[in-house]
C-alpha cells in the first residue's frame, strides 16, 4: 500500500470520495470478481477451468479481473515452467476472507431468488 495515506485516514471512510477503499470495493463487487472469488473459494483453478465454469465471461474480461484481484492481493498467480505453459490461481488469506463474504451473499441471493423475482415482477407490472 502506498505510504501517502495515514492509517487513520483509511478506516471507515468508504463514504468519502477520497478514500481508496472505494476502489477496492469496486474491484471486489464487480459481477466477474464475485464469480471468480466464488470459484476460487473451492480451491486452485487454471484459467481455462475458470473460463469454462463462469458462463459468459470473455477471455479478456477474465484476464483483466484476475489481474486486478492479484494486484489487490486477493489471489496468487503461479506460473509453472512447462510447455505448454501452466498457470494456476488461488486465493490468498485475505482473498479467502473476501470470498467467504461473497459466497455468503451469493447464497443469500440464491435462497431468496424466488421472492426477489416475485417482487421484481410485481413492481414492473
N, C-alpha and C. Protein backbone atom coordinates (compact mmCIF):
# COMPACT_ATOMS: atom_id res chain seq x y z
N UNK A 1 0.85 -1.19 0.00
CA UNK A 1 0.00 0.00 0.00
C UNK A 1 0.88 1.24 0.00
N UNK A 2 0.43 2.23 -0.65
CA UNK A 2 1.18 3.48 -0.73
C UNK A 2 1.25 4.15 0.63
N UNK A 3 2.36 4.81 0.89
CA UNK A 3 2.55 5.48 2.16
C UNK A 3 1.91 6.85 2.22
N UNK A 4 1.15 7.24 1.20
CA UNK A 4 0.59 8.59 1.17
C UNK A 4 -0.63 8.77 2.07
N UNK A 5 -1.17 7.68 2.61
CA UNK A 5 -2.34 7.77 3.49
C UNK A 5 -1.96 7.37 4.90
N UNK A 6 -2.36 8.16 5.87
CA UNK A 6 -2.17 7.77 7.26
C UNK A 6 -3.18 6.66 7.55
N UNK A 7 -2.80 5.71 8.39
CA UNK A 7 -3.68 4.58 8.68
C UNK A 7 -5.05 5.04 9.16
N UNK A 8 -5.11 6.07 9.97
CA UNK A 8 -6.39 6.57 10.48
C UNK A 8 -7.28 7.11 9.37
N UNK A 9 -6.67 7.57 8.27
CA UNK A 9 -7.45 8.10 7.15
C UNK A 9 -8.12 6.98 6.37
N UNK A 10 -7.66 5.75 6.52
CA UNK A 10 -8.16 4.64 5.71
C UNK A 10 -9.33 3.90 6.34
N UNK A 11 -9.54 4.05 7.62
CA UNK A 11 -10.54 3.26 8.31
C UNK A 11 -11.92 3.93 8.31
N UNK A 12 -12.91 3.20 7.84
CA UNK A 12 -14.29 3.66 7.93
C UNK A 12 -14.64 4.86 7.09
N UNK A 13 -13.93 5.06 5.99
CA UNK A 13 -14.18 6.24 5.18
C UNK A 13 -14.71 5.89 3.79
N UNK A 14 -15.34 4.75 3.64
CA UNK A 14 -15.81 4.30 2.32
C UNK A 14 -16.83 5.26 1.71
N UNK A 15 -17.48 6.06 2.53
CA UNK A 15 -18.45 7.03 2.01
C UNK A 15 -17.78 8.29 1.48
N UNK A 16 -16.49 8.43 1.74
CA UNK A 16 -15.74 9.59 1.28
C UNK A 16 -15.22 9.37 -0.15
N UNK A 17 -15.33 10.40 -0.98
CA UNK A 17 -14.80 10.34 -2.34
C UNK A 17 -13.33 10.02 -2.38
N UNK A 18 -12.59 10.47 -1.39
CA UNK A 18 -11.14 10.35 -1.40
C UNK A 18 -10.60 9.06 -0.81
N UNK A 19 -11.46 8.22 -0.28
CA UNK A 19 -10.99 7.01 0.39
C UNK A 19 -10.65 5.91 -0.62
N UNK A 20 -9.43 5.37 -0.56
CA UNK A 20 -9.04 4.31 -1.50
C UNK A 20 -9.84 3.02 -1.31
N UNK A 21 -10.55 2.90 -0.20
CA UNK A 21 -11.36 1.69 -0.01
C UNK A 21 -12.47 1.59 -1.05
N UNK A 22 -12.89 2.72 -1.62
CA UNK A 22 -13.92 2.70 -2.67
C UNK A 22 -13.43 1.93 -3.89
N UNK A 23 -12.17 2.11 -4.24
CA UNK A 23 -11.62 1.41 -5.39
C UNK A 23 -11.60 -0.10 -5.14
N UNK A 24 -11.19 -0.48 -3.93
CA UNK A 24 -11.15 -1.90 -3.59
C UNK A 24 -12.57 -2.46 -3.57
N UNK A 25 -13.52 -1.72 -3.03
CA UNK A 25 -14.92 -2.14 -3.03
C UNK A 25 -15.40 -2.38 -4.46
N UNK A 26 -15.05 -1.47 -5.34
CA UNK A 26 -15.43 -1.61 -6.75
C UNK A 26 -14.79 -2.86 -7.37
N UNK A 27 -13.52 -3.09 -7.09
CA UNK A 27 -12.83 -4.26 -7.62
C UNK A 27 -13.48 -5.56 -7.14
N UNK A 28 -13.84 -5.62 -5.87
CA UNK A 28 -14.39 -6.85 -5.29
C UNK A 28 -15.83 -7.12 -5.70
N UNK A 29 -16.58 -6.08 -6.00
CA UNK A 29 -18.02 -6.28 -6.18
C UNK A 29 -18.48 -6.26 -7.64
N UNK A 30 -17.54 -6.31 -8.58
CA UNK A 30 -17.99 -6.47 -9.96
C UNK A 30 -18.55 -7.89 -10.10
N UNK A 31 -19.43 -8.06 -11.05
CA UNK A 31 -20.02 -9.39 -11.28
C UNK A 31 -18.93 -10.43 -11.48
N UNK A 32 -17.93 -10.11 -12.30
CA UNK A 32 -16.91 -11.10 -12.61
C UNK A 32 -16.02 -11.41 -11.41
N UNK A 33 -15.70 -10.40 -10.61
CA UNK A 33 -14.89 -10.64 -9.42
C UNK A 33 -15.62 -11.55 -8.43
N UNK A 34 -16.89 -11.30 -8.23
CA UNK A 34 -17.68 -12.13 -7.32
C UNK A 34 -17.67 -13.58 -7.81
N UNK A 35 -17.85 -13.78 -9.11
CA UNK A 35 -17.90 -15.14 -9.65
C UNK A 35 -16.52 -15.82 -9.60
N UNK A 36 -15.45 -15.06 -9.83
CA UNK A 36 -14.10 -15.61 -9.71
C UNK A 36 -13.83 -16.01 -8.26
N UNK A 37 -14.15 -15.13 -7.32
CA UNK A 37 -13.95 -15.44 -5.90
C UNK A 37 -14.77 -16.66 -5.50
N UNK A 38 -15.97 -16.76 -6.01
CA UNK A 38 -16.84 -17.92 -5.72
C UNK A 38 -16.17 -19.21 -6.18
N UNK A 39 -15.62 -19.22 -7.39
CA UNK A 39 -14.94 -20.41 -7.92
C UNK A 39 -13.68 -20.73 -7.13
N UNK A 40 -12.86 -19.71 -6.90
CA UNK A 40 -11.59 -19.94 -6.22
C UNK A 40 -11.77 -20.29 -4.74
N UNK A 41 -12.95 -20.01 -4.19
CA UNK A 41 -13.21 -20.40 -2.80
C UNK A 41 -13.24 -21.92 -2.67
N UNK A 42 -13.40 -22.61 -3.79
CA UNK A 42 -13.44 -24.07 -3.80
C UNK A 42 -12.06 -24.68 -4.02
N UNK A 43 -11.05 -23.84 -4.31
CA UNK A 43 -9.71 -24.35 -4.50
C UNK A 43 -9.00 -23.74 -5.69
N UNK A 44 -7.84 -24.28 -6.00
CA UNK A 44 -6.99 -23.79 -7.08
C UNK A 44 -7.63 -24.10 -8.43
N UNK A 45 -7.58 -23.13 -9.34
CA UNK A 45 -8.11 -23.32 -10.69
C UNK A 45 -7.14 -22.76 -11.73
N UNK A 46 -7.16 -23.38 -12.89
CA UNK A 46 -6.44 -22.85 -14.04
C UNK A 46 -7.35 -21.88 -14.77
N UNK A 47 -6.75 -21.03 -15.62
CA UNK A 47 -7.52 -20.04 -16.37
C UNK A 47 -8.64 -20.71 -17.16
N UNK A 48 -8.30 -21.77 -17.87
CA UNK A 48 -9.28 -22.45 -18.72
C UNK A 48 -10.44 -23.02 -17.89
N UNK A 49 -10.15 -23.49 -16.68
CA UNK A 49 -11.21 -24.00 -15.81
C UNK A 49 -12.15 -22.88 -15.39
N UNK A 50 -11.58 -21.74 -15.03
CA UNK A 50 -12.41 -20.59 -14.66
C UNK A 50 -13.26 -20.14 -15.84
N UNK A 51 -12.66 -20.07 -17.01
CA UNK A 51 -13.37 -19.64 -18.22
C UNK A 51 -14.54 -20.58 -18.50
N UNK A 52 -14.31 -21.86 -18.31
CA UNK A 52 -15.36 -22.86 -18.56
C UNK A 52 -16.48 -22.79 -17.52
N UNK A 53 -16.13 -22.58 -16.27
CA UNK A 53 -17.12 -22.56 -15.19
C UNK A 53 -17.96 -21.29 -15.17
N UNK A 54 -17.36 -20.15 -15.52
CA UNK A 54 -18.07 -18.87 -15.44
C UNK A 54 -18.66 -18.55 -16.81
N UNK A 55 -19.87 -18.98 -17.01
CA UNK A 55 -20.53 -18.79 -18.29
C UNK A 55 -20.66 -17.31 -18.63
N UNK A 56 -20.31 -16.98 -19.88
CA UNK A 56 -20.50 -15.62 -20.37
C UNK A 56 -19.30 -14.70 -20.22
N UNK A 57 -18.28 -15.10 -19.49
CA UNK A 57 -17.12 -14.22 -19.31
C UNK A 57 -16.19 -14.39 -20.52
N UNK A 58 -15.73 -13.27 -21.06
CA UNK A 58 -14.77 -13.32 -22.17
C UNK A 58 -13.37 -13.55 -21.60
N UNK A 59 -12.48 -14.02 -22.46
CA UNK A 59 -11.09 -14.22 -22.01
C UNK A 59 -10.48 -12.91 -21.54
N UNK A 60 -10.77 -11.84 -22.27
CA UNK A 60 -10.23 -10.52 -21.92
C UNK A 60 -10.72 -10.07 -20.54
N UNK A 61 -12.02 -10.22 -20.29
CA UNK A 61 -12.58 -9.79 -19.00
C UNK A 61 -12.08 -10.66 -17.86
N UNK A 62 -11.97 -11.97 -18.09
CA UNK A 62 -11.46 -12.86 -17.06
C UNK A 62 -10.01 -12.52 -16.74
N UNK A 63 -9.22 -12.30 -17.77
CA UNK A 63 -7.81 -11.95 -17.58
C UNK A 63 -7.68 -10.64 -16.80
N UNK A 64 -8.47 -9.65 -17.17
CA UNK A 64 -8.45 -8.35 -16.51
C UNK A 64 -8.88 -8.48 -15.03
N UNK A 65 -9.91 -9.27 -14.79
CA UNK A 65 -10.41 -9.47 -13.42
C UNK A 65 -9.36 -10.15 -12.56
N UNK A 66 -8.74 -11.20 -13.10
CA UNK A 66 -7.71 -11.92 -12.35
C UNK A 66 -6.52 -11.01 -12.04
N UNK A 67 -6.14 -10.20 -13.00
CA UNK A 67 -5.01 -9.28 -12.81
C UNK A 67 -5.33 -8.27 -11.70
N UNK A 68 -6.53 -7.72 -11.73
CA UNK A 68 -6.94 -6.74 -10.70
C UNK A 68 -6.95 -7.38 -9.32
N UNK A 69 -7.53 -8.57 -9.21
CA UNK A 69 -7.59 -9.26 -7.91
C UNK A 69 -6.19 -9.63 -7.42
N UNK A 70 -5.29 -9.96 -8.34
CA UNK A 70 -3.90 -10.25 -7.97
C UNK A 70 -3.21 -8.98 -7.48
N UNK A 71 -3.39 -7.87 -8.19
CA UNK A 71 -2.76 -6.61 -7.79
C UNK A 71 -3.23 -6.15 -6.42
N UNK A 72 -4.50 -6.42 -6.10
CA UNK A 72 -5.05 -6.03 -4.80
C UNK A 72 -4.67 -7.01 -3.68
N UNK A 73 -4.02 -8.11 -4.04
CA UNK A 73 -3.57 -9.07 -3.03
C UNK A 73 -4.59 -10.12 -2.65
N UNK A 74 -5.62 -10.33 -3.49
CA UNK A 74 -6.66 -11.30 -3.17
C UNK A 74 -6.39 -12.68 -3.76
N UNK A 75 -5.50 -12.76 -4.73
CA UNK A 75 -5.15 -14.07 -5.28
C UNK A 75 -3.70 -14.11 -5.69
N UNK A 76 -3.22 -15.34 -5.82
CA UNK A 76 -1.85 -15.61 -6.24
C UNK A 76 -1.89 -16.32 -7.58
N UNK A 77 -1.07 -15.84 -8.50
CA UNK A 77 -0.94 -16.45 -9.83
C UNK A 77 0.38 -17.20 -9.84
N UNK A 78 0.32 -18.50 -10.10
CA UNK A 78 1.53 -19.32 -10.14
C UNK A 78 1.73 -19.82 -11.56
N UNK A 79 2.91 -19.52 -12.12
CA UNK A 79 3.26 -19.95 -13.47
C UNK A 79 4.29 -21.07 -13.35
N UNK A 80 3.98 -22.22 -13.98
CA UNK A 80 4.89 -23.35 -13.95
C UNK A 80 5.71 -23.37 -15.24
N UNK A 81 7.02 -23.63 -15.13
CA UNK A 81 7.91 -23.61 -16.31
C UNK A 81 7.79 -24.89 -17.14
N UNK A 82 6.65 -25.09 -17.75
CA UNK A 82 6.42 -26.26 -18.60
C UNK A 82 5.88 -25.79 -19.94
N UNK A 83 5.93 -26.70 -20.92
CA UNK A 83 5.36 -26.42 -22.23
C UNK A 83 4.25 -27.44 -22.46
N UNK A 84 3.04 -27.00 -22.77
CA UNK A 84 2.58 -25.62 -22.81
C UNK A 84 2.54 -25.01 -21.41
N UNK A 85 2.54 -23.68 -21.33
CA UNK A 85 2.56 -23.01 -20.03
C UNK A 85 1.37 -23.43 -19.16
N UNK A 86 1.63 -23.59 -17.88
CA UNK A 86 0.58 -23.93 -16.92
C UNK A 86 0.53 -22.81 -15.89
N UNK A 87 -0.65 -22.20 -15.75
CA UNK A 87 -0.84 -21.11 -14.80
C UNK A 87 -2.02 -21.48 -13.90
N UNK A 88 -1.82 -21.33 -12.60
CA UNK A 88 -2.89 -21.61 -11.64
C UNK A 88 -3.15 -20.38 -10.78
N UNK A 89 -4.39 -20.28 -10.33
CA UNK A 89 -4.82 -19.18 -9.47
C UNK A 89 -5.37 -19.74 -8.18
N UNK A 90 -5.01 -19.09 -7.07
CA UNK A 90 -5.55 -19.48 -5.77
C UNK A 90 -5.68 -18.24 -4.91
N UNK A 91 -6.58 -18.32 -3.94
CA UNK A 91 -6.83 -17.18 -3.06
C UNK A 91 -5.72 -17.04 -2.02
N UNK A 92 -5.43 -15.81 -1.66
CA UNK A 92 -4.57 -15.53 -0.52
C UNK A 92 -5.46 -15.64 0.73
N UNK A 93 -4.89 -15.46 1.89
CA UNK A 93 -5.69 -15.48 3.12
C UNK A 93 -6.74 -14.36 3.07
N UNK A 94 -6.31 -13.18 2.66
CA UNK A 94 -7.23 -12.05 2.55
C UNK A 94 -8.29 -12.35 1.48
N UNK A 95 -7.87 -12.96 0.38
CA UNK A 95 -8.81 -13.34 -0.67
C UNK A 95 -9.83 -14.35 -0.18
N UNK A 96 -9.38 -15.30 0.64
CA UNK A 96 -10.30 -16.29 1.21
C UNK A 96 -11.34 -15.63 2.12
N UNK A 97 -10.89 -14.64 2.87
CA UNK A 97 -11.83 -13.91 3.74
C UNK A 97 -12.86 -13.16 2.91
N UNK A 98 -12.42 -12.49 1.84
CA UNK A 98 -13.34 -11.77 0.97
C UNK A 98 -14.28 -12.75 0.26
N UNK A 99 -13.73 -13.85 -0.21
CA UNK A 99 -14.54 -14.85 -0.92
C UNK A 99 -15.62 -15.41 0.00
N UNK A 100 -15.28 -15.61 1.27
CA UNK A 100 -16.26 -16.12 2.23
C UNK A 100 -17.48 -15.19 2.30
N UNK A 101 -17.21 -13.90 2.33
CA UNK A 101 -18.31 -12.91 2.36
C UNK A 101 -19.12 -12.96 1.07
N UNK A 102 -18.43 -13.09 -0.06
CA UNK A 102 -19.11 -13.13 -1.35
C UNK A 102 -19.96 -14.40 -1.48
N UNK A 103 -19.43 -15.53 -1.02
CA UNK A 103 -20.17 -16.80 -1.07
C UNK A 103 -21.43 -16.69 -0.21
N UNK A 104 -21.32 -16.03 0.94
CA UNK A 104 -22.50 -15.80 1.77
C UNK A 104 -23.54 -14.97 1.03
N UNK A 105 -23.10 -13.90 0.37
CA UNK A 105 -24.02 -13.04 -0.37
C UNK A 105 -24.66 -13.80 -1.53
N UNK A 106 -23.86 -14.54 -2.30
CA UNK A 106 -24.39 -15.31 -3.42
C UNK A 106 -25.40 -16.34 -2.91
N UNK A 107 -25.08 -17.01 -1.82
CA UNK A 107 -26.01 -17.98 -1.23
C UNK A 107 -27.32 -17.33 -0.81
N UNK A 108 -27.21 -16.15 -0.21
CA UNK A 108 -28.41 -15.42 0.21
C UNK A 108 -29.26 -15.07 -1.00
N UNK A 109 -28.62 -14.60 -2.07
CA UNK A 109 -29.36 -14.26 -3.30
C UNK A 109 -30.05 -15.50 -3.85
N UNK A 110 -29.32 -16.60 -3.93
CA UNK A 110 -29.90 -17.83 -4.48
C UNK A 110 -31.06 -18.34 -3.64
N UNK A 111 -30.94 -18.27 -2.32
CA UNK A 111 -32.03 -18.72 -1.44
C UNK A 111 -33.27 -17.83 -1.55
N UNK A 112 -33.05 -16.55 -1.78
CA UNK A 112 -34.16 -15.59 -1.83
C UNK A 112 -34.59 -15.23 -3.24
N UNK A 113 -34.04 -15.89 -4.23
CA UNK A 113 -34.32 -15.56 -5.62
C UNK A 113 -35.81 -15.60 -5.97
N UNK A 114 -36.57 -16.61 -5.55
CA UNK A 114 -38.00 -16.60 -5.89
C UNK A 114 -38.71 -15.34 -5.39
N UNK A 115 -38.45 -14.95 -4.16
CA UNK A 115 -39.09 -13.75 -3.62
C UNK A 115 -38.61 -12.48 -4.33
N UNK A 116 -37.33 -12.43 -4.63
CA UNK A 116 -36.77 -11.27 -5.33
C UNK A 116 -37.41 -11.13 -6.71
N UNK A 117 -37.52 -12.25 -7.44
CA UNK A 117 -38.12 -12.22 -8.77
C UNK A 117 -39.60 -11.88 -8.70
N UNK A 118 -40.26 -12.37 -7.68
CA UNK A 118 -41.69 -12.05 -7.48
C UNK A 118 -41.86 -10.55 -7.24
N UNK A 119 -41.04 -9.99 -6.39
CA UNK A 119 -41.09 -8.54 -6.12
C UNK A 119 -40.78 -7.74 -7.37
N UNK A 120 -39.78 -8.18 -8.12
CA UNK A 120 -39.40 -7.50 -9.34
C UNK A 120 -40.56 -7.49 -10.34
N UNK A 121 -41.20 -8.62 -10.48
CA UNK A 121 -42.34 -8.74 -11.40
C UNK A 121 -43.50 -7.86 -10.93
N UNK A 122 -43.76 -7.86 -9.63
CA UNK A 122 -44.86 -7.07 -9.09
C UNK A 122 -44.63 -5.58 -9.32
N UNK A 123 -43.41 -5.11 -9.10
CA UNK A 123 -43.10 -3.70 -9.26
C UNK A 123 -43.09 -3.30 -10.74
N UNK A 124 -42.67 -4.20 -11.61
CA UNK A 124 -42.59 -3.91 -13.04
C UNK A 124 -43.96 -3.85 -13.71
N UNK A 125 -44.96 -4.52 -13.14
CA UNK A 125 -46.26 -4.55 -13.80
C UNK A 125 -47.18 -3.44 -13.37
